[in-house]
Amino acid sequence: MAILVDLGDGFQEDDQGTRIELTIVDQAGEAVPIGGINLTDSLKLRKHAADTKLRTTTLVSDGSDGKMQYITVAGDLVPFGQWQLQAHVVDSNGDHHSVTKDFEVRCNL
């Protein structure tokens, strides 16, 4: 399983209401249905090694398209700088982690 990540236009420090969308795909790039998967703590956000934030995602639709999302809330993307994210899902085939994705949180004026 692979996990594709859509970060949209990126992030500003302490963005709230910004969507992070993740898609679970197989080796052929086809969406894996995730309707029955527990999405608790399925997104990891990290600025510092000692400060990994676990977030629960929700399905974008009924799960047949493999898409899940997280909507940022106050305090998620603080402080500005280089961050990483990683998706994590557990299904009947095992415990799966995506590769990490680096992204930047830009500072506000």
Protein backbone atom coordinates (compact mmCIF):
# COMPACT_ATOMS: atom_id res chain seq x y z
CA MET A 1 0.00 0.00 0.00
CA ALA A 2 1.12 3.53 -0.73
CA ILE A 3 -0.35 6.77 0.49
CA LEU A 4 -0.59 9.84 -1.74
CA VAL A 5 -0.72 13.26 -0.07
CA ASP A 6 -2.32 16.46 -1.37
CA LEU A 7 -1.13 19.55 0.52
CA GLY A 8 -3.00 22.03 -1.67
CA ASP A 9 -1.28 25.43 -1.72
CA GLY A 10 0.72 24.75 1.43
CA PHE A 11 0.29 26.32 4.84
CA GLN A 12 0.70 29.49 6.83
CA GLU A 13 1.54 29.34 10.52
CA ASP A 14 -1.50 28.35 12.62
CA ASP A 15 -3.75 27.88 9.55
CA GLN A 16 -7.17 26.69 10.65
CA GLY A 17 -9.70 24.98 8.42
CA THR A 18 -7.08 23.93 5.84
CA ARG A 19 -7.60 20.47 4.39
CA ILE A 20 -4.89 17.82 4.14
CA GLU A 21 -6.09 15.05 1.83
CA LEU A 22 -4.57 11.57 1.72
CA THR A 23 -5.32 8.75 -0.74
CA ILE A 24 -4.56 5.07 -0.05
CA VAL A 25 -3.46 3.25 -3.23
CA ASP A 26 -2.11 -0.20 -4.09
CA GLN A 27 1.11 -0.95 -6.00
CA ALA A 28 -0.70 -0.39 -9.31
CA GLY A 29 -1.80 3.07 -8.18
CA GLU A 30 -5.45 2.08 -7.80
CA ALA A 31 -7.44 3.42 -4.85
CA VAL A 32 -7.86 0.99 -1.94
CA PRO A 33 -11.33 1.09 -0.34
CA ILE A 34 -11.00 2.28 3.27
CA GLY A 35 -14.63 2.41 4.39
CA GLY A 36 -14.06 -0.11 7.19
CA ILE A 37 -10.68 1.13 8.44
CA ASN A 38 -10.32 2.80 11.84
CA LEU A 39 -8.87 6.26 11.11
CA THR A 40 -7.98 7.16 14.70
CA ASP A 41 -4.48 8.70 14.83
CA SER A 42 -4.08 8.07 11.09
CA LEU A 43 -2.10 11.28 10.47
CA LYS A 44 1.19 12.23 12.11
CA LEU A 45 2.41 15.85 11.97
CA ARG A 46 5.91 16.63 13.22
CA LYS A 47 7.97 19.79 13.57
CA HIS A 48 10.46 18.43 16.11
CA ALA A 49 11.29 14.78 16.80
CA ALA A 50 10.01 15.16 20.35
CA ASP A 51 6.69 16.71 19.26
CA THR A 52 4.68 14.42 16.97
CA LYS A 53 0.99 15.32 16.81
CA LEU A 54 -1.39 12.43 16.12
CA ARG A 55 -4.59 13.42 14.34
CA THR A 56 -7.68 11.46 13.36
CA THR A 57 -8.78 11.74 9.74
CA THR A 58 -12.27 11.37 8.28
CA LEU A 59 -13.44 9.85 5.02
CA VAL A 60 -13.85 12.26 2.09
CA SER A 61 -16.77 10.18 0.74
CA ASP A 62 -17.87 6.62 1.49
CA GLY A 63 -14.27 5.35 1.48
CA SER A 64 -14.46 3.56 -1.87
CA ASP A 65 -12.09 6.15 -3.40
CA GLY A 66 -9.39 5.56 -0.75
CA LYS A 67 -9.53 9.22 0.31
CA MET A 68 -9.30 10.53 3.86
CA GLN A 69 -8.81 14.06 5.10
CA TYR A 70 -7.85 16.14 8.08
CA ILE A 71 -8.97 19.73 8.64
CA THR A 72 -6.42 21.75 10.63
CA VAL A 73 -7.41 23.42 13.90
CA ALA A 74 -5.77 26.12 16.05
CA GLY A 75 -2.31 25.08 17.20
CA ASP A 76 -1.76 22.30 14.65
CA LEU A 77 0.77 24.17 12.50
CA VAL A 78 2.79 26.13 15.06
CA PRO A 79 5.60 27.18 14.82
CA PHE A 80 6.49 28.02 11.22
CA GLY A 81 9.36 26.18 9.53
CA GLN A 82 10.02 22.74 8.03
CA TRP A 83 7.54 20.01 9.00
CA GLN A 84 6.89 16.38 8.11
CA LEU A 85 3.72 14.35 7.87
CA GLN A 86 3.07 10.65 7.63
CA ALA A 87 -0.10 8.63 7.21
CA HIS A 88 -0.72 5.50 9.26
CA VAL A 89 -3.51 2.96 8.74
CA VAL A 90 -4.24 -0.47 10.14
CA ASP A 91 -6.35 -2.94 8.17
CA SER A 92 -6.81 -6.70 7.94
CA ASN A 93 -3.57 -6.94 5.92
CA GLY A 94 -1.39 -5.22 8.50
CA ASP A 95 -0.07 -1.98 9.90
CA HIS A 96 0.91 0.49 7.15
CA HIS A 97 2.91 3.74 7.23
CA SER A 98 3.48 6.04 4.27
CA VAL A 99 6.84 7.54 3.52
CA THR A 100 7.23 10.89 5.23
CA LYS A 101 6.38 14.03 3.27
CA ASP A 102 8.28 17.25 3.99
CA PHE A 103 6.43 20.54 3.79
CA GLU A 104 6.92 24.12 4.86
CA VAL A 105 4.75 26.18 7.16
CA ARG A 106 5.28 29.81 6.19
CA CYS A 107 5.44 32.58 8.80
CA ASN A 108 2.84 35.32 9.02
CA LEU A 109 3.65 39.02 8.89
